[in-house]
Protein backbone atom coordinates (compact mmCIF):
# COMPACT_ATOMS: atom_id res chain seq x y z
CA UNK A 1 0.00 0.00 0.00
CA UNK A 2 1.10 3.51 -0.66
CA UNK A 3 1.13 6.27 1.94
CA UNK A 4 -1.83 7.90 0.23
CA UNK A 5 -3.91 4.77 0.83
CA UNK A 6 -2.63 4.39 4.38
CA UNK A 7 -3.55 7.98 5.29
CA UNK A 8 -7.19 7.19 4.53
CA UNK A 9 -7.29 4.45 7.20
CA UNK A 10 -8.25 5.02 10.81
CA UNK A 11 -5.81 4.58 13.68
CA UNK A 12 -7.45 1.31 14.65
CA UNK A 13 -7.07 -0.07 11.13
CA UNK A 14 -3.43 1.04 11.06
CA UNK A 15 -2.77 -0.72 14.36
CA UNK A 16 -4.38 -3.89 12.99
CA UNK A 17 -2.19 -3.73 9.89
CA UNK A 18 0.84 -3.15 12.09
CA UNK A 19 0.10 -6.26 14.15
CA UNK A 20 -0.44 -8.33 10.99
CA UNK A 21 2.83 -7.07 9.51
CA UNK A 22 4.78 -7.84 12.67
CA UNK A 23 3.39 -11.38 12.67
CA UNK A 24 4.34 -11.73 9.01
CA UNK A 25 7.85 -10.49 9.75
CA UNK A 26 8.18 -13.01 12.58
CA UNK A 27 7.08 -15.82 10.26
CA UNK A 28 9.49 -14.71 7.54
CA UNK A 29 12.38 -14.61 10.01
CA UNK A 30 11.43 -18.07 11.21
CA UNK A 31 11.39 -19.35 7.62
CA UNK A 32 14.77 -17.73 7.03
CA UNK A 33 16.28 -19.51 10.01
CA UNK A 34 14.97 -22.82 8.67
CA UNK A 35 16.37 -22.03 5.19
CA UNK A 36 12.89 -22.21 3.67
CA UNK A 37 12.48 -18.58 2.70
CA UNK A 38 11.55 -18.40 -0.97
CA UNK A 39 11.74 -14.64 -1.44
CA UNK A 40 14.39 -12.93 0.73
CA UNK A 41 13.33 -9.52 -0.58
CA UNK A 42 10.02 -9.92 1.21
CA UNK A 43 11.79 -9.38 4.55
CA UNK A 44 12.96 -5.95 3.48
CA UNK A 45 9.56 -5.11 2.02
CA UNK A 46 7.72 -5.97 5.25
CA UNK A 47 10.23 -4.02 7.37
CA UNK A 48 9.67 -0.94 5.22
CA UNK A 49 5.90 -1.33 5.46
CA UNK A 50 6.14 -1.51 9.25
CA UNK A 51 8.27 1.65 9.23
CA UNK A 52 5.65 3.43 7.10
CA UNK A 53 2.91 2.46 9.53
CA UNK A 54 4.94 3.58 12.52
CA UNK A 55 5.75 6.89 10.81
CA UNK A 56 2.11 7.57 10.06
CA UNK A 57 0.99 6.72 13.60
CA UNK A 58 3.70 8.96 15.06
CA UNK A 59 2.66 11.83 12.79
CA UNK A 60 -0.91 11.50 13.98
CA UNK A 61 0.10 11.41 17.64
CA UNK A 62 2.21 14.52 17.25
CA UNK A 63 -0.59 16.32 15.43
CA UNK A 64 -2.95 15.62 18.33
CA UNK A 65 -0.50 16.77 21.02
CA UNK A 66 0.40 19.99 19.17
CA UNK A 67 -3.20 21.16 18.94
C-alpha atoms as a PDB file:
ATOM      1  CA  UNK A   1       0.000   0.000   0.000  1.00  0.00           C
ATOM      2  CA  UNK A   2       1.098   3.511  -0.657  1.00  0.00           C
ATOM      3  CA  UNK A   3       1.132   6.269   1.941  1.00  0.00           C
ATOM      4  CA  UNK A   4      -1.831   7.899   0.229  1.00  0.00           C
ATOM      5  CA  UNK A   5      -3.911   4.769   0.830  1.00  0.00           C
ATOM      6  CA  UNK A   6      -2.630   4.389   4.383  1.00  0.00           C
ATOM      7  CA  UNK A   7      -3.545   7.977   5.289  1.00  0.00           C
ATOM      8  CA  UNK A   8      -7.194   7.188   4.532  1.00  0.00           C
ATOM      9  CA  UNK A   9      -7.292   4.450   7.200  1.00  0.00           C
ATOM     10  CA  UNK A  10      -8.253   5.020  10.810  1.00  0.00           C
ATOM     11  CA  UNK A  11      -5.806   4.582  13.683  1.00  0.00           C
ATOM     12  CA  UNK A  12      -7.453   1.310  14.648  1.00  0.00           C
ATOM     13  CA  UNK A  13      -7.068  -0.073  11.127  1.00  0.00           C
ATOM     14  CA  UNK A  14      -3.435   1.042  11.063  1.00  0.00           C
ATOM     15  CA  UNK A  15      -2.775  -0.718  14.363  1.00  0.00           C
ATOM     16  CA  UNK A  16      -4.380  -3.887  12.988  1.00  0.00           C
ATOM     17  CA  UNK A  17      -2.192  -3.734   9.889  1.00  0.00           C
ATOM     18  CA  UNK A  18       0.844  -3.147  12.095  1.00  0.00           C
ATOM     19  CA  UNK A  19       0.099  -6.265  14.146  1.00  0.00           C
ATOM     20  CA  UNK A  20      -0.436  -8.328  10.994  1.00  0.00           C
ATOM     21  CA  UNK A  21       2.827  -7.068   9.510  1.00  0.00           C
ATOM     22  CA  UNK A  22       4.785  -7.844  12.669  1.00  0.00           C
ATOM     23  CA  UNK A  23       3.391 -11.378  12.666  1.00  0.00           C
ATOM     24  CA  UNK A  24       4.338 -11.731   9.011  1.00  0.00           C
ATOM     25  CA  UNK A  25       7.852 -10.492   9.753  1.00  0.00           C
ATOM     26  CA  UNK A  26       8.177 -13.009  12.581  1.00  0.00           C
ATOM     27  CA  UNK A  27       7.081 -15.821  10.262  1.00  0.00           C
ATOM     28  CA  UNK A  28       9.492 -14.705   7.544  1.00  0.00           C
ATOM     29  CA  UNK A  29      12.378 -14.612  10.011  1.00  0.00           C
ATOM     30  CA  UNK A  30      11.428 -18.068  11.208  1.00  0.00           C
ATOM     31  CA  UNK A  31      11.388 -19.351   7.620  1.00  0.00           C
ATOM     32  CA  UNK A  32      14.774 -17.733   7.025  1.00  0.00           C
ATOM     33  CA  UNK A  33      16.284 -19.509  10.012  1.00  0.00           C
ATOM     34  CA  UNK A  34      14.970 -22.820   8.667  1.00  0.00           C
ATOM     35  CA  UNK A  35      16.373 -22.025   5.187  1.00  0.00           C
ATOM     36  CA  UNK A  36      12.890 -22.212   3.671  1.00  0.00           C
ATOM     37  CA  UNK A  37      12.475 -18.582   2.703  1.00  0.00           C
ATOM     38  CA  UNK A  38      11.546 -18.395  -0.968  1.00  0.00           C
ATOM     39  CA  UNK A  39      11.742 -14.640  -1.443  1.00  0.00           C
ATOM     40  CA  UNK A  40      14.390 -12.928   0.733  1.00  0.00           C
ATOM     41  CA  UNK A  41      13.334  -9.516  -0.582  1.00  0.00           C
ATOM     42  CA  UNK A  42      10.017  -9.924   1.208  1.00  0.00           C
ATOM     43  CA  UNK A  43      11.789  -9.377   4.551  1.00  0.00           C
ATOM     44  CA  UNK A  44      12.959  -5.945   3.481  1.00  0.00           C
ATOM     45  CA  UNK A  45       9.556  -5.108   2.022  1.00  0.00           C
ATOM     46  CA  UNK A  46       7.717  -5.971   5.254  1.00  0.00           C
ATOM     47  CA  UNK A  47      10.228  -4.019   7.371  1.00  0.00           C
ATOM     48  CA  UNK A  48       9.674  -0.944   5.217  1.00  0.00           C
ATOM     49  CA  UNK A  49       5.901  -1.335   5.462  1.00  0.00           C
ATOM     50  CA  UNK A  50       6.144  -1.515   9.254  1.00  0.00           C
ATOM     51  CA  UNK A  51       8.268   1.646   9.226  1.00  0.00           C
ATOM     52  CA  UNK A  52       5.652   3.429   7.098  1.00  0.00           C
ATOM     53  CA  UNK A  53       2.906   2.463   9.526  1.00  0.00           C
ATOM     54  CA  UNK A  54       4.942   3.584  12.521  1.00  0.00           C
ATOM     55  CA  UNK A  55       5.750   6.887  10.812  1.00  0.00           C
ATOM     56  CA  UNK A  56       2.115   7.573  10.064  1.00  0.00           C
ATOM     57  CA  UNK A  57       0.994   6.718  13.600  1.00  0.00           C
ATOM     58  CA  UNK A  58       3.702   8.962  15.061  1.00  0.00           C
ATOM     59  CA  UNK A  59       2.661  11.832  12.786  1.00  0.00           C
ATOM     60  CA  UNK A  60      -0.913  11.504  13.976  1.00  0.00           C
ATOM     61  CA  UNK A  61       0.099  11.409  17.638  1.00  0.00           C
ATOM     62  CA  UNK A  62       2.209  14.524  17.246  1.00  0.00           C
ATOM     63  CA  UNK A  63      -0.593  16.319  15.429  1.00  0.00           C
ATOM     64  CA  UNK A  64      -2.950  15.624  18.328  1.00  0.00           C
ATOM     65  CA  UNK A  65      -0.501  16.767  21.018  1.00  0.00           C
ATOM     66  CA  UNK A  66       0.402  19.986  19.168  1.00  0.00           C
ATOM     67  CA  UNK A  67      -3.200  21.162  18.936  1.00  0.00           C
END
